[in-house]
Amino acid sequence: MTIWRTIATGLATLIVILGVSHVSLAAGDARQELAKTSTLEAVMQRQAIRVGFDTFKPWAMKDKSGKYVGFEIDVARKLAEDMGVKLQLVPTQWNGIIPALLGGKFDIIIGGMSVTPKRNLKVNFSIPYEYSGMSIVANKRKAGGRDSIKEFNNPETVISVRMGTTAHVAAKNFLPKATLKVFSDESQTIQELLSGRADALVASSPLPETLAGEYSDKLELPLDEDFTSEPIAFAVRKSDYDFTNFLNNWIRVNFSNGWLQNRYDYWFKSKEWESQLQ
């Protein structure tokens, strides 16, 4: 009985070991398959990274020669350079940029995208590589002399804002009584403000500050500081953990070595770049 009991115990142990080994091998194979299907692997094999973005001043703009320049363009170029691949810029309308990413039109969104729960249900975000806030710029003739966000929160005040942006969300939340005029293009929101058809414009900094400086005879900044603070991150497709891990570490490295701060100071705190624009 003792011998048979020993043999039976040994067989049971062997079965468990083989079962665990099989599960471990299967998990290992699954991890290898996931790595193969990662965007990171696809980019390295293609030797090019496709970046989706839209134009927001000074995140991404066209210079006098028609080339794209801006903070996000510098970030995209540096990312491609560090990966040892070519950069392919894919201009995309903002209100369709997440569907375009999910449809495989490009590999990553680098476009001053704020992290929101609604967006995070559709895409994965990296850790923040910058922070942005919402600000307001007013038409002097239509809304001059106001100095608080509350003074814009009434049905008589027309606010110009860009569709699908966090500025659009912020305007609805902070100015629920105001009349919103929503446009798909940034230039339309600006033109509406300059023409006087809108009393004010809500947008991510530093656009309001830039406009107030450029059109000081028509526009002014009613607030001393931004009324929100939002994390800006890379957006990639869901389940792409290898790519997200690489991006997170790329951000950490370029924060620590000062490169991201250097580019931020150039595009957001200086006006050296304005002569490059059309």
C-alpha atoms as a PDB file:
ATOM      1  CA  MET A   1       0.000   0.000   0.000  1.00  0.00           C
ATOM      2  CA  THR A   2       2.807   2.375   0.897  1.00  0.00           C
ATOM      3  CA  ILE A   3       4.545   1.784  -2.449  1.00  0.00           C
ATOM      4  CA  TRP A   4       1.345   2.355  -4.437  1.00  0.00           C
ATOM      5  CA  ARG A   5       0.526   5.432  -2.391  1.00  0.00           C
ATOM      6  CA  THR A   6       4.017   6.803  -3.090  1.00  0.00           C
ATOM      7  CA  ILE A   7       3.686   6.105  -6.811  1.00  0.00           C
ATOM      8  CA  ALA A   8       0.245   7.742  -6.929  1.00  0.00           C
ATOM      9  CA  THR A   9       1.533  10.818  -5.092  1.00  0.00           C
ATOM     10  CA  GLY A  10       4.460  11.079  -7.483  1.00  0.00           C
ATOM     11  CA  LEU A  11       2.214  10.848 -10.538  1.00  0.00           C
ATOM     12  CA  ALA A  12      -0.088  13.524  -9.157  1.00  0.00           C
ATOM     13  CA  THR A  13       2.863  15.800  -8.495  1.00  0.00           C
ATOM     14  CA  LEU A  14       4.188  15.207 -12.031  1.00  0.00           C
ATOM     15  CA  ILE A  15       0.793  16.058 -13.533  1.00  0.00           C
ATOM     16  CA  VAL A  16       0.650  19.308 -11.544  1.00  0.00           C
ATOM     17  CA  ILE A  17       4.194  20.248 -12.622  1.00  0.00           C
ATOM     18  CA  LEU A  18       3.418  19.514 -16.265  1.00  0.00           C
ATOM     19  CA  GLY A  19       0.184  21.481 -15.996  1.00  0.00           C
ATOM     20  CA  VAL A  20       1.940  24.499 -14.494  1.00  0.00           C
ATOM     21  CA  SER A  21       4.687  24.267 -17.113  1.00  0.00           C
ATOM     22  CA  HIS A  22       2.075  24.155 -19.855  1.00  0.00           C
ATOM     23  CA  VAL A  23       0.334  27.225 -18.460  1.00  0.00           C
ATOM     24  CA  SER A  24       3.660  29.059 -18.106  1.00  0.00           C
ATOM     25  CA  LEU A  25       4.632  28.207 -21.671  1.00  0.00           C
ATOM     26  CA  ALA A  26       1.222  29.291 -22.932  1.00  0.00           C
ATOM     27  CA  ALA A  27       1.496  32.591 -21.053  1.00  0.00           C
ATOM     28  CA  GLY A  28       4.983  33.100 -22.449  1.00  0.00           C
ATOM     29  CA  ASP A  29       3.742  32.441 -25.967  1.00  0.00           C
ATOM     30  CA  ALA A  30       0.877  34.879 -25.424  1.00  0.00           C
ATOM     31  CA  ARG A  31       3.307  37.568 -24.273  1.00  0.00           C
ATOM     32  CA  GLN A  32       5.469  36.978 -27.330  1.00  0.00           C
ATOM     33  CA  GLU A  33       2.451  37.252 -29.625  1.00  0.00           C
ATOM     34  CA  LEU A  34       1.361  40.490 -27.952  1.00  0.00           C
ATOM     35  CA  ALA A  35       4.867  41.901 -28.392  1.00  0.00           C
ATOM     36  CA  LYS A  36       4.783  40.997 -32.089  1.00  0.00           C
ATOM     37  CA  THR A  37       1.486  42.827 -32.590  1.00  0.00           C
ATOM     38  CA  SER A  38       2.601  45.917 -30.623  1.00  0.00           C
ATOM     39  CA  THR A  39       2.701  49.241 -32.453  1.00  0.00           C
ATOM     40  CA  LEU A  40       6.267  49.577 -31.218  1.00  0.00           C
ATOM     41  CA  GLU A  41       7.245  46.430 -33.134  1.00  0.00           C
ATOM     42  CA  ALA A  42       5.333  47.580 -36.213  1.00  0.00           C
ATOM     43  CA  VAL A  43       7.079  50.970 -36.145  1.00  0.00           C
ATOM     44  CA  MET A  44      10.502  49.379 -35.844  1.00  0.00           C
ATOM     45  CA  GLN A  45       9.807  46.989 -38.712  1.00  0.00           C
ATOM     46  CA  ARG A  46       8.383  49.783 -40.873  1.00  0.00           C
ATOM     47  CA  GLN A  47      11.239  52.092 -39.846  1.00  0.00           C
ATOM     48  CA  ALA A  48       8.787  54.975 -39.645  1.00  0.00           C
ATOM     49  CA  ILE A  49       6.412  56.348 -37.039  1.00  0.00           C
ATOM     50  CA  ARG A  50       3.148  57.919 -38.206  1.00  0.00           C
ATOM     51  CA  VAL A  51       2.012  60.793 -35.996  1.00  0.00           C
ATOM     52  CA  GLY A  52      -1.519  62.170 -36.000  1.00  0.00           C
ATOM     53  CA  PHE A  53      -2.006  65.841 -35.050  1.00  0.00           C
ATOM     54  CA  ASP A  54      -3.975  68.977 -35.807  1.00  0.00           C
ATOM     55  CA  THR A  55      -2.882  72.614 -35.841  1.00  0.00           C
ATOM     56  CA  PHE A  56      -3.002  74.527 -32.553  1.00  0.00           C
ATOM     57  CA  LYS A  57      -0.775  77.527 -31.959  1.00  0.00           C
ATOM     58  CA  PRO A  58       2.043  77.032 -30.825  1.00  0.00           C
ATOM     59  CA  TRP A  59       1.656  73.240 -30.633  1.00  0.00           C
ATOM     60  CA  ALA A  60       1.693  72.764 -34.413  1.00  0.00           C
ATOM     61  CA  MET A  61       1.606  75.409 -37.172  1.00  0.00           C
ATOM     62  CA  LYS A  62       2.779  75.994 -40.733  1.00  0.00           C
ATOM     63  CA  ASP A  63       5.833  78.164 -41.312  1.00  0.00           C
ATOM     64  CA  LYS A  64       6.452  80.463 -44.285  1.00  0.00           C
ATOM     65  CA  SER A  65       7.602  77.558 -46.441  1.00  0.00           C
ATOM     66  CA  GLY A  66       4.532  75.460 -45.635  1.00  0.00           C
ATOM     67  CA  LYS A  67       6.353  73.093 -43.283  1.00  0.00           C
ATOM     68  CA  TYR A  68       4.932  72.197 -39.883  1.00  0.00           C
ATOM     69  CA  VAL A  69       6.644  73.654 -36.830  1.00  0.00           C
ATOM     70  CA  GLY A  70       5.755  73.906 -33.150  1.00  0.00           C
ATOM     71  CA  PHE A  71       6.202  72.251 -29.787  1.00  0.00           C
ATOM     72  CA  GLU A  72       4.471  69.011 -30.798  1.00  0.00           C
ATOM     73  CA  ILE A  73       6.415  68.838 -34.052  1.00  0.00           C
ATOM     74  CA  ASP A  74       9.677  69.094 -32.103  1.00  0.00           C
ATOM     75  CA  VAL A  75       8.448  66.358 -29.737  1.00  0.00           C
ATOM     76  CA  ALA A  76       7.477  64.097 -32.649  1.00  0.00           C
ATOM     77  CA  ARG A  77      10.834  64.638 -34.382  1.00  0.00           C
ATOM     78  CA  LYS A  78      12.779  63.914 -31.206  1.00  0.00           C
ATOM     79  CA  LEU A  79      10.755  60.759 -30.551  1.00  0.00           C
ATOM     80  CA  ALA A  80      11.396  59.481 -34.090  1.00  0.00           C
ATOM     81  CA  GLU A  81      15.084  60.370 -33.810  1.00  0.00           C
ATOM     82  CA  ASP A  82      15.468  58.488 -30.526  1.00  0.00           C
ATOM     83  CA  MET A  83      13.723  55.464 -32.036  1.00  0.00           C
ATOM     84  CA  GLY A  84      15.980  55.615 -35.095  1.00  0.00           C
ATOM     85  CA  VAL A  85      13.031  55.795 -37.506  1.00  0.00           C
ATOM     86  CA  LYS A  86      11.599  58.293 -39.987  1.00  0.00           C
ATOM     87  CA  LEU A  87       8.826  60.682 -39.008  1.00  0.00           C
ATOM     88  CA  GLN A  88       5.605  60.724 -41.016  1.00  0.00           C
ATOM     89  CA  LEU A  89       3.269  63.576 -40.039  1.00  0.00           C
ATOM     90  CA  VAL A  90      -0.439  62.929 -40.644  1.00  0.00           C
ATOM     91  CA  PRO A  91      -2.514  66.150 -40.308  1.00  0.00           C
ATOM     92  CA  THR A  92      -6.017  65.230 -39.111  1.00  0.00           C
ATOM     93  CA  GLN A  93      -9.137  67.173 -38.152  1.00  0.00           C
ATOM     94  CA  TRP A  94      -9.345  67.259 -34.350  1.00  0.00           C
ATOM     95  CA  ASN A  95     -12.946  66.079 -34.094  1.00  0.00           C
ATOM     96  CA  GLY A  96     -12.023  62.874 -35.937  1.00  0.00           C
ATOM     97  CA  ILE A  97      -8.518  62.271 -34.618  1.00  0.00           C
ATOM     98  CA  ILE A  98      -9.328  59.446 -32.154  1.00  0.00           C
ATOM     99  CA  PRO A  99     -11.386  57.449 -34.706  1.00  0.00           C
ATOM    100  CA  ALA A 100      -8.500  57.879 -37.163  1.00  0.00           C
ATOM    101  CA  LEU A 101      -6.047  56.462 -34.586  1.00  0.00           C
ATOM    102  CA  LEU A 102      -8.333  53.512 -33.845  1.00  0.00           C
ATOM    103  CA  GLY A 103      -8.733  52.921 -37.584  1.00  0.00           C
ATOM    104  CA  GLY A 104      -4.952  52.588 -38.021  1.00  0.00           C
ATOM    105  CA  LYS A 105      -4.390  55.804 -39.974  1.00  0.00           C
ATOM    106  CA  PHE A 106      -1.404  56.545 -37.730  1.00  0.00           C
ATOM    107  CA  ASP A 107       0.445  55.071 -34.731  1.00  0.00           C
ATOM    108  CA  ILE A 108       0.138  57.793 -32.104  1.00  0.00           C
ATOM    109  CA  ILE A 109      -1.524  61.127 -31.400  1.00  0.00           C
ATOM    110  CA  ILE A 110       0.943  63.881 -30.494  1.00  0.00           C
ATOM    111  CA  GLY A 111      -1.310  66.894 -30.539  1.00  0.00           C
ATOM    112  CA  GLY A 112      -1.611  68.638 -27.198  1.00  0.00           C
ATOM    113  CA  MET A 113      -4.276  66.131 -26.177  1.00  0.00           C
ATOM    114  CA  SER A 114      -5.550  66.516 -22.623  1.00  0.00           C
ATOM    115  CA  VAL A 115      -6.282  63.347 -20.662  1.00  0.00           C
ATOM    116  CA  THR A 116      -9.999  62.929 -19.978  1.00  0.00           C
ATOM    117  CA  PRO A 117     -11.965  59.895 -18.698  1.00  0.00           C
ATOM    118  CA  LYS A 118     -14.120  59.890 -21.850  1.00  0.00           C
ATOM    119  CA  ARG A 119     -11.066  59.766 -24.130  1.00  0.00           C
ATOM    120  CA  ASN A 120      -9.380  57.200 -21.894  1.00  0.00           C
ATOM    121  CA  LEU A 121     -12.255  54.788 -22.516  1.00  0.00           C
ATOM    122  CA  LYS A 122     -11.208  54.725 -26.174  1.00  0.00           C
ATOM    123  CA  VAL A 123      -7.417  55.088 -26.045  1.00  0.00           C
ATOM    124  CA  ASN A 124      -4.486  54.480 -23.710  1.00  0.00           C
ATOM    125  CA  PHE A 125      -2.558  57.529 -22.488  1.00  0.00           C
ATOM    126  CA  SER A 126       1.093  57.826 -21.577  1.00  0.00           C
ATOM    127  CA  ILE A 127       2.154  59.712 -18.472  1.00  0.00           C
ATOM    128  CA  PRO A 128       1.893  63.506 -19.000  1.00  0.00           C
ATOM    129  CA  TYR A 129       4.715  65.185 -20.889  1.00  0.00           C
ATOM    130  CA  GLU A 130       3.274  68.668 -20.365  1.00  0.00           C
ATOM    131  CA  TYR A 131       0.440  70.513 -18.641  1.00  0.00           C
ATOM    132  CA  SER A 132      -1.888  73.047 -20.188  1.00  0.00           C
ATOM    133  CA  GLY A 133      -4.597  75.328 -18.844  1.00  0.00           C
ATOM    134  CA  MET A 134      -7.668  77.023 -20.251  1.00  0.00           C
ATOM    135  CA  SER A 135      -7.683  80.771 -20.639  1.00  0.00           C
ATOM    136  CA  ILE A 136     -10.032  83.370 -22.072  1.00  0.00           C
ATOM    137  CA  VAL A 137      -9.393  86.327 -24.385  1.00  0.00           C
ATOM    138  CA  ALA A 138     -12.055  89.017 -24.824  1.00  0.00           C
ATOM    139  CA  ASN A 139     -12.989  91.475 -27.529  1.00  0.00           C
ATOM    140  CA  LYS A 140     -12.387  94.930 -25.987  1.00  0.00           C
ATOM    141  CA  ARG A 141     -15.338  96.573 -27.703  1.00  0.00           C
ATOM    142  CA  LYS A 142     -17.776  93.780 -26.849  1.00  0.00           C
ATOM    143  CA  ALA A 143     -16.585  92.612 -23.432  1.00  0.00           C
ATOM    144  CA  GLY A 144     -13.870  94.963 -22.238  1.00  0.00           C
ATOM    145  CA  GLY A 145     -13.393  95.675 -18.545  1.00  0.00           C
ATOM    146  CA  ARG A 146     -14.522  92.291 -17.203  1.00  0.00           C
ATOM    147  CA  ASP A 147     -12.127  90.655 -14.743  1.00  0.00           C
ATOM    148  CA  SER A 148     -13.751  87.392 -13.636  1.00  0.00           C
ATOM    149  CA  ILE A 149     -15.023  84.226 -15.317  1.00  0.00           C
ATOM    150  CA  LYS A 150     -18.461  84.834 -13.748  1.00  0.00           C
ATOM    151  CA  GLU A 151     -18.920  88.019 -15.754  1.00  0.00           C
ATOM    152  CA  PHE A 152     -18.902  85.958 -18.963  1.00  0.00           C
ATOM    153  CA  ASN A 153     -21.464  83.458 -17.689  1.00  0.00           C
ATOM    154  CA  ASN A 154     -24.696  84.900 -19.070  1.00  0.00           C
ATOM    155  CA  PRO A 155     -26.846  84.311 -22.185  1.00  0.00           C
ATOM    156  CA  GLU A 156     -25.902  87.688 -23.678  1.00  0.00           C
ATOM    157  CA  THR A 157     -22.209  86.703 -23.883  1.00  0.00           C
ATOM    158  CA  VAL A 158     -21.162  84.800 -27.001  1.00  0.00           C
ATOM    159  CA  ILE A 159     -18.156  82.497 -26.555  1.00  0.00           C
ATOM    160  CA  SER A 160     -16.176  81.176 -29.532  1.00  0.00           C
ATOM    161  CA  VAL A 161     -14.685  77.709 -29.036  1.00  0.00           C
ATOM    162  CA  ARG A 162     -13.275  74.841 -31.069  1.00  0.00           C
ATOM    163  CA  MET A 163     -15.336  71.669 -31.430  1.00  0.00           C
ATOM    164  CA  GLY A 164     -14.200  68.495 -29.659  1.00  0.00           C
ATOM    165  CA  THR A 165     -11.507  70.181 -27.563  1.00  0.00           C
ATOM    166  CA  THR A 166     -11.195  70.339 -23.791  1.00  0.00           C
ATOM    167  CA  ALA A 167     -11.749  74.082 -24.233  1.00  0.00           C
ATOM    168  CA  HIS A 168     -15.209  73.169 -25.523  1.00  0.00           C
ATOM    169  CA  VAL A 169     -15.816  71.054 -22.400  1.00  0.00           C
ATOM    170  CA  ALA A 170     -14.418  73.746 -20.090  1.00  0.00           C
ATOM    171  CA  ALA A 171     -16.629  76.405 -21.677  1.00  0.00           C
ATOM    172  CA  LYS A 172     -19.728  74.261 -21.137  1.00  0.00           C
ATOM    173  CA  ASN A 173     -18.773  73.545 -17.514  1.00  0.00           C
ATOM    174  CA  PHE A 174     -17.536  76.973 -16.413  1.00  0.00           C
ATOM    175  CA  LEU A 175     -19.857  79.067 -18.612  1.00  0.00           C
ATOM    176  CA  PRO A 176     -23.079  77.036 -18.748  1.00  0.00           C
ATOM    177  CA  LYS A 177     -25.279  80.112 -19.256  1.00  0.00           C
ATOM    178  CA  ALA A 178     -23.189  81.665 -22.036  1.00  0.00           C
ATOM    179  CA  THR A 179     -24.022  81.254 -25.726  1.00  0.00           C
ATOM    180  CA  LEU A 180     -21.414  78.990 -27.338  1.00  0.00           C
ATOM    181  CA  LYS A 181     -20.469  79.250 -31.010  1.00  0.00           C
ATOM    182  CA  VAL A 182     -18.609  76.073 -31.952  1.00  0.00           C
ATOM    183  CA  PHE A 183     -16.293  75.686 -34.959  1.00  0.00           C
ATOM    184  CA  SER A 184     -14.199  72.815 -36.311  1.00  0.00           C
ATOM    185  CA  ASP A 185     -11.230  75.020 -37.209  1.00  0.00           C
ATOM    186  CA  GLU A 186      -9.140  77.214 -34.898  1.00  0.00           C
ATOM    187  CA  SER A 187      -8.909  80.049 -37.428  1.00  0.00           C
ATOM    188  CA  GLN A 188     -12.713  80.272 -37.481  1.00  0.00           C
ATOM    189  CA  THR A 189     -12.894  80.717 -33.700  1.00  0.00           C
ATOM    190  CA  ILE A 190     -10.319  83.529 -33.920  1.00  0.00           C
ATOM    191  CA  GLN A 191     -12.040  85.273 -36.815  1.00  0.00           C
ATOM    192  CA  GLU A 192     -15.345  85.184 -34.941  1.00  0.00           C
ATOM    193  CA  LEU A 193     -13.691  86.950 -32.009  1.00  0.00           C
ATOM    194  CA  LEU A 194     -11.847  89.561 -34.090  1.00  0.00           C
ATOM    195  CA  SER A 195     -14.949  90.418 -36.100  1.00  0.00           C
ATOM    196  CA  GLY A 196     -16.947  91.039 -32.928  1.00  0.00           C
ATOM    197  CA  ARG A 197     -19.440  88.285 -33.610  1.00  0.00           C
ATOM    198  CA  ALA A 198     -18.146  86.667 -30.397  1.00  0.00           C
ATOM    199  CA  ASP A 199     -17.468  88.452 -27.115  1.00  0.00           C
ATOM    200  CA  ALA A 200     -14.667  86.102 -26.063  1.00  0.00           C
ATOM    201  CA  LEU A 201     -12.736  82.969 -26.996  1.00  0.00           C
ATOM    202  CA  VAL A 202     -11.871  80.067 -24.689  1.00  0.00           C
ATOM    203  CA  ALA A 203      -8.779  78.038 -25.639  1.00  0.00           C
ATOM    204  CA  SER A 204      -5.684  76.332 -24.243  1.00  0.00           C
ATOM    205  CA  SER A 205      -2.835  78.585 -23.221  1.00  0.00           C
ATOM    206  CA  PRO A 206      -0.898  80.236 -24.667  1.00  0.00           C
ATOM    207  CA  LEU A 207      -3.260  80.968 -27.592  1.00  0.00           C
ATOM    208  CA  PRO A 208      -5.297  83.611 -25.712  1.00  0.00           C
ATOM    209  CA  GLU A 209      -2.112  85.344 -24.515  1.00  0.00           C
ATOM    210  CA  THR A 210      -0.639  85.208 -28.025  1.00  0.00           C
ATOM    211  CA  LEU A 211      -3.784  86.680 -29.591  1.00  0.00           C
ATOM    212  CA  ALA A 212      -3.993  89.452 -26.973  1.00  0.00           C
ATOM    213  CA  GLY A 213      -0.418  90.428 -27.778  1.00  0.00           C
ATOM    214  CA  GLU A 214      -0.854  90.194 -31.551  1.00  0.00           C
ATOM    215  CA  TYR A 215      -4.122  92.160 -31.618  1.00  0.00           C
ATOM    216  CA  SER A 216      -3.634  94.435 -28.608  1.00  0.00           C
ATOM    217  CA  ASP A 217      -5.817  97.129 -30.173  1.00  0.00           C
ATOM    218  CA  LYS A 218      -8.827  94.748 -30.291  1.00  0.00           C
ATOM    219  CA  LEU A 219      -8.314  92.077 -27.623  1.00  0.00           C
ATOM    220  CA  GLU A 220      -7.492  91.813 -23.921  1.00  0.00           C
ATOM    221  CA  LEU A 221      -6.963  89.182 -21.223  1.00  0.00           C
ATOM    222  CA  PRO A 222      -9.607  89.549 -18.518  1.00  0.00           C
ATOM    223  CA  LEU A 223      -8.068  86.957 -16.156  1.00  0.00           C
ATOM    224  CA  ASP A 224      -4.661  87.018 -14.483  1.00  0.00           C
ATOM    225  CA  GLU A 225      -4.148  83.265 -14.851  1.00  0.00           C
ATOM    226  CA  ASP A 226      -5.574  80.096 -16.428  1.00  0.00           C
ATOM    227  CA  PHE A 227      -8.809  78.835 -14.904  1.00  0.00           C
ATOM    228  CA  THR A 228      -7.934  75.106 -15.366  1.00  0.00           C
ATOM    229  CA  SER A 229      -4.835  72.866 -15.369  1.00  0.00           C
ATOM    230  CA  GLU A 230      -4.819  69.742 -17.546  1.00  0.00           C
ATOM    231  CA  PRO A 231      -2.290  66.930 -18.187  1.00  0.00           C
ATOM    232  CA  ILE A 232      -1.143  66.540 -21.811  1.00  0.00           C
ATOM    233  CA  ALA A 233      -0.164  63.024 -22.952  1.00  0.00           C
ATOM    234  CA  PHE A 234       0.466  60.768 -25.947  1.00  0.00           C
ATOM    235  CA  ALA A 235      -2.536  58.687 -27.044  1.00  0.00           C
ATOM    236  CA  VAL A 236      -2.182  55.159 -28.462  1.00  0.00           C
ATOM    237  CA  ARG A 237      -4.521  52.279 -29.177  1.00  0.00           C
ATOM    238  CA  LYS A 238      -5.840  50.126 -26.329  1.00  0.00           C
ATOM    239  CA  SER A 239      -3.858  47.072 -25.096  1.00  0.00           C
ATOM    240  CA  ASP A 240      -0.602  48.463 -26.524  1.00  0.00           C
ATOM    241  CA  TYR A 241       1.386  48.116 -23.310  1.00  0.00           C
ATOM    242  CA  ASP A 242       4.850  47.777 -24.876  1.00  0.00           C
ATOM    243  CA  PHE A 243       4.469  51.039 -26.770  1.00  0.00           C
ATOM    244  CA  THR A 244       3.005  52.817 -23.734  1.00  0.00           C
ATOM    245  CA  ASN A 245       5.900  51.577 -21.585  1.00  0.00           C
ATOM    246  CA  PHE A 246       8.436  52.904 -24.099  1.00  0.00           C
ATOM    247  CA  LEU A 247       6.680  56.284 -24.304  1.00  0.00           C
ATOM    248  CA  ASN A 248       6.501  56.628 -20.513  1.00  0.00           C
ATOM    249  CA  ASN A 249      10.223  56.028 -20.166  1.00  0.00           C
ATOM    250  CA  TRP A 250      10.993  58.346 -23.095  1.00  0.00           C
ATOM    251  CA  ILE A 251       9.087  61.104 -21.287  1.00  0.00           C
ATOM    252  CA  ARG A 252      10.902  60.435 -17.995  1.00  0.00           C
ATOM    253  CA  VAL A 253      14.304  60.610 -19.706  1.00  0.00           C
ATOM    254  CA  ASN A 254      13.527  63.832 -21.580  1.00  0.00           C
ATOM    255  CA  PHE A 255      12.081  65.463 -18.501  1.00  0.00           C
ATOM    256  CA  SER A 256      15.171  64.599 -16.466  1.00  0.00           C
ATOM    257  CA  ASN A 257      17.678  65.771 -19.095  1.00  0.00           C
ATOM    258  CA  GLY A 258      15.861  69.088 -19.600  1.00  0.00           C
ATOM    259  CA  TRP A 259      14.971  68.636 -23.269  1.00  0.00           C
ATOM    260  CA  LEU A 260      11.190  68.912 -22.800  1.00  0.00           C
ATOM    261  CA  GLN A 261      11.562  71.991 -20.594  1.00  0.00           C
ATOM    262  CA  ASN A 262      13.884  73.595 -23.152  1.00  0.00           C
ATOM    263  CA  ARG A 263      11.374  73.114 -25.978  1.00  0.00           C
ATOM    264  CA  TYR A 264       8.470  74.251 -23.786  1.00  0.00           C
ATOM    265  CA  ASP A 265      10.279  77.461 -22.849  1.00  0.00           C
ATOM    266  CA  TYR A 266      11.062  78.167 -26.511  1.00  0.00           C
ATOM    267  CA  TRP A 267       7.523  77.670 -27.835  1.00  0.00           C
ATOM    268  CA  PHE A 268       5.471  78.881 -24.860  1.00  0.00           C
ATOM    269  CA  LYS A 269       7.607  81.518 -23.143  1.00  0.00           C
ATOM    270  CA  SER A 270       9.446  83.193 -26.010  1.00  0.00           C
ATOM    271  CA  LYS A 271       8.420  84.857 -29.272  1.00  0.00           C
ATOM    272  CA  GLU A 272      11.537  83.908 -31.190  1.00  0.00           C
ATOM    273  CA  TRP A 273       9.551  81.544 -33.411  1.00  0.00           C
ATOM    274  CA  GLU A 274       6.923  84.050 -34.572  1.00  0.00           C
ATOM    275  CA  SER A 275       9.065  85.250 -37.485  1.00  0.00           C
ATOM    276  CA  GLN A 276       8.945  81.711 -38.935  1.00  0.00           C
ATOM    277  CA  LEU A 277       5.165  81.833 -39.492  1.00  0.00           C
ATOM    278  CA  GLN A 278       3.210  82.824 -42.571  1.00  0.00           C
END
